[in-house]
C-alpha atoms as a PDB file:
ATOM      1  CA  MET A   1      -8.698  48.544-195.522  1.00  0.00           C
ATOM      2  CA  SER A   2      -6.256  50.110-193.137  1.00  0.00           C
ATOM      3  CA  ILE A   3      -6.957  51.387-189.637  1.00  0.00           C
ATOM      4  CA  THR A   4      -5.162  54.554-188.608  1.00  0.00           C
ATOM      5  CA  LYS A   5      -4.671  56.211-185.240  1.00  0.00           C
ATOM      6  CA  GLN A   6      -7.094  58.878-186.424  1.00  0.00           C
ATOM      7  CA  ASP A   7      -9.778  56.189-186.883  1.00  0.00           C
ATOM      8  CA  VAL A   8      -9.198  54.917-183.356  1.00  0.00           C
ATOM      9  CA  LEU A   9      -9.206  58.466-181.989  1.00  0.00           C
ATOM     10  CA  HIS A  10     -12.474  59.204-183.805  1.00  0.00           C
ATOM     11  CA  VAL A  11     -14.169  56.109-182.363  1.00  0.00           C
ATOM     12  CA  ALA A  12     -12.784  56.907-178.901  1.00  0.00           C
ATOM     13  CA  GLU A  13     -14.226  60.420-179.111  1.00  0.00           C
ATOM     14  CA  LEU A  14     -17.616  59.049-180.187  1.00  0.00           C
ATOM     15  CA  ALA A  15     -17.544  56.688-177.204  1.00  0.00           C
ATOM     16  CA  ARG A  16     -16.260  59.502-174.975  1.00  0.00           C
ATOM     17  CA  LEU A  17     -13.147  57.533-174.069  1.00  0.00           C
ATOM     18  CA  ALA A  18      -9.860  59.135-173.148  1.00  0.00           C
ATOM     19  CA  LEU A  19      -7.077  56.964-174.580  1.00  0.00           C
ATOM     20  CA  SER A  20      -3.395  57.300-173.904  1.00  0.00           C
ATOM     21  CA  GLU A  21      -0.933  57.228-176.780  1.00  0.00           C
ATOM     22  CA  GLU A  22       0.020  53.636-175.895  1.00  0.00           C
ATOM     23  CA  GLU A  23      -3.636  52.554-175.881  1.00  0.00           C
ATOM     24  CA  MET A  24      -4.238  54.193-179.267  1.00  0.00           C
ATOM     25  CA  GLU A  25      -1.273  52.332-180.747  1.00  0.00           C
ATOM     26  CA  LEU A  26      -2.401  49.053-179.156  1.00  0.00           C
ATOM     27  CA  TYR A  27      -5.993  49.391-180.391  1.00  0.00           C
ATOM     28  CA  THR A  28      -4.821  50.429-183.851  1.00  0.00           C
ATOM     29  CA  ARG A  29      -2.735  47.246-184.111  1.00  0.00           C
ATOM     30  CA  GLN A  30      -5.510  45.051-182.713  1.00  0.00           C
ATOM     31  CA  LEU A  31      -8.175  46.456-185.019  1.00  0.00           C
ATOM     32  CA  GLN A  32      -5.873  46.104-188.010  1.00  0.00           C
ATOM     33  CA  ARG A  33      -5.292  42.435-187.138  1.00  0.00           C
ATOM     34  CA  ILE A  34      -9.047  41.884-186.925  1.00  0.00           C
ATOM     35  CA  LEU A  35      -9.623  43.508-190.319  1.00  0.00           C
ATOM     36  CA  ASN A  36      -6.810  41.469-191.862  1.00  0.00           C
ATOM     37  CA  TYR A  37      -8.445  38.288-190.569  1.00  0.00           C
ATOM     38  CA  VAL A  38     -11.854  39.300-191.936  1.00  0.00           C
ATOM     39  CA  GLU A  39     -10.259  40.026-195.322  1.00  0.00           C
ATOM     40  CA  LYS A  40      -8.676  36.573-195.246  1.00  0.00           C
ATOM     41  CA  LEU A  41     -12.100  35.026-194.583  1.00  0.00           C
ATOM     42  CA  SER A  42     -13.564  36.851-197.571  1.00  0.00           C
ATOM     43  CA  GLU A  43     -11.134  34.960-199.826  1.00  0.00           C
ATOM     44  CA  LEU A  44     -12.903  31.660-199.102  1.00  0.00           C
ATOM     45  CA  ASP A  45     -15.081  30.141-201.794  1.00  0.00           C
ATOM     46  CA  THR A  46     -18.550  30.046-200.303  1.00  0.00           C
ATOM     47  CA  ARG A  47     -20.464  29.137-203.465  1.00  0.00           C
ATOM     48  CA  GLY A  48     -22.845  26.342-202.658  1.00  0.00           C
ATOM     49  CA  VAL A  49     -22.847  27.097-198.936  1.00  0.00           C
ATOM     50  CA  VAL A  50     -26.358  27.768-197.721  1.00  0.00           C
ATOM     51  CA  PRO A  51     -26.560  31.018-195.731  1.00  0.00           C
ATOM     52  CA  THR A  52     -27.357  30.402-192.090  1.00  0.00           C
ATOM     53  CA  THR A  53     -28.323  32.585-189.214  1.00  0.00           C
ATOM     54  CA  TYR A  54     -27.634  30.091-186.439  1.00  0.00           C
ATOM     55  CA  THR A  55     -24.731  27.737-185.904  1.00  0.00           C
ATOM     56  CA  VAL A  56     -26.802  25.166-184.028  1.00  0.00           C
ATOM     57  CA  PRO A  57     -30.247  23.811-184.895  1.00  0.00           C
ATOM     58  CA  LEU A  58     -33.051  25.847-183.405  1.00  0.00           C
ATOM     59  CA  ALA A  59     -35.272  24.235-180.838  1.00  0.00           C
ATOM     60  CA  HIS A  60     -38.557  25.631-179.692  1.00  0.00           C
ATOM     61  CA  ALA A  61     -37.834  27.126-176.280  1.00  0.00           C
ATOM     62  CA  MET A  62     -41.447  27.273-175.142  1.00  0.00           C
ATOM     63  CA  ARG A  63     -42.994  24.476-173.165  1.00  0.00           C
ATOM     64  CA  GLU A  64     -46.571  23.333-173.377  1.00  0.00           C
ATOM     65  CA  ASP A  65     -48.924  25.491-171.329  1.00  0.00           C
ATOM     66  CA  VAL A  66     -50.411  23.057-168.843  1.00  0.00           C
ATOM     67  CA  THR A  67     -52.192  23.764-165.597  1.00  0.00           C
ATOM     68  CA  ALA A  68     -50.561  22.547-162.421  1.00  0.00           C
ATOM     69  CA  PRO A  69     -51.364  23.044-158.761  1.00  0.00           C
ATOM     70  CA  SER A  70     -49.788  26.064-157.077  1.00  0.00           C
ATOM     71  CA  ILE A  71     -47.631  25.860-154.001  1.00  0.00           C
ATOM     72  CA  PRO A  72     -49.474  26.484-150.735  1.00  0.00           C
ATOM     73  CA  GLN A  73     -49.628  30.109-149.557  1.00  0.00           C
ATOM     74  CA  GLU A  74     -47.691  29.337-146.372  1.00  0.00           C
ATOM     75  CA  GLU A  75     -44.866  27.783-148.385  1.00  0.00           C
ATOM     76  CA  ALA A  76     -44.737  30.774-150.743  1.00  0.00           C
ATOM     77  CA  LEU A  77     -44.478  33.183-147.820  1.00  0.00           C
ATOM     78  CA  GLN A  78     -42.120  31.186-145.614  1.00  0.00           C
ATOM     79  CA  ASN A  79     -38.983  33.105-146.701  1.00  0.00           C
ATOM     80  CA  ALA A  80     -40.642  36.508-147.065  1.00  0.00           C
ATOM     81  CA  PRO A  81     -38.832  39.172-145.038  1.00  0.00           C
ATOM     82  CA  GLU A  82     -42.178  40.738-144.194  1.00  0.00           C
ATOM     83  CA  LYS A  83     -45.740  39.539-144.660  1.00  0.00           C
ATOM     84  CA  ASP A  84     -49.112  41.050-143.856  1.00  0.00           C
ATOM     85  CA  ARG A  85     -52.487  39.263-143.909  1.00  0.00           C
ATOM     86  CA  GLY A  86     -51.239  36.412-146.095  1.00  0.00           C
ATOM     87  CA  CYS A  87     -49.418  38.655-148.623  1.00  0.00           C
ATOM     88  CA  PHE A  88     -45.868  39.822-149.251  1.00  0.00           C
ATOM     89  CA  LYS A  89     -45.303  43.214-147.638  1.00  0.00           C
ATOM     90  CA  VAL A  90     -43.159  45.535-149.745  1.00  0.00           C
ATOM     91  CA  PRO A  91     -42.040  49.139-149.313  1.00  0.00           C
ATOM     92  CA  GLN A  92     -44.371  51.781-150.709  1.00  0.00           C
ATOM     93  CA  VAL A  93     -43.109  53.087-154.057  1.00  0.00           C
ATOM     94  CA  ILE A  94     -45.939  55.451-154.997  1.00  0.00           C
ATOM     95  CA  GLU A  95     -46.429  58.595-152.978  1.00  0.00           C
END
């Protein structure tokens, strides 16, 4: 597959990008190099290779849900810019 300046111009218009002539030539060359590399990869014999989704083994990211004591209210509020009656005071957002 070959990338043309018209292809780059079309994608630039879809993305609402204004490209100079030099940029169009640069991106045309770069995209063509990428496609050439992908074509080279497709020449590899992948029979017997199990399809994978991840390159590293998956580990469960969730921790056990255990109860633990909370930090004291005074400690939670010690860096609050404003506090009122033991709570964080925030600007009103609903009129």
